[in-house]
Amino acid sequence: EKALNIAKKNSITNKTKVIFILSDLFQNLGNYKFDLIISNPPYIANDVCKKLQEEVMYEPLLALDGGCNGLEIIYRIVDDAPKYINNKGHLLMEIGDDQGSALNNILSKNFSDIKIIKDLQNRNRYVYSKLKEQI
């Protein structure tokens, strides 16, 4: 809720038209569909979270811990996103630098044009995909 309140203030400051919904991923979205979903999900394996550098730990653990392999939340997003993306819409997520091939495999069921994008340190950091045309 705190993050949502900050986002609302930013929306007012920047005079944007945004609908805010408090939800656990897609749970409270009803029939909304989007052309683009962007997510920065928790993607760090929980055993790695315990060893993170101090400068990363300003983030709440909830924002970092992606479960035993770092992919638990990401798998939920990939599984549910097709129901909330318009035909040929896009999904973009931040990922761990070692998660690209696993995501390529699970995304390929419902998505195409899958691209792993590198960050400024030349590490795999984002995955882009396009929802396959639904007939």
Foldseek 3Di string as FASTA:
>chain_A
DVVQVVVVVVCVVVVHDDDDDDDDQCHPVPQAAELEDEEAAAQDAPVVVVVDDPVVPVDPVRRHHCYHRSCNSVLVCLVPNVSRYPFFGKYKYWYDLPCQVVCVVSNVVFWPPWDFDADPVRGRTMIMTTGHGDD
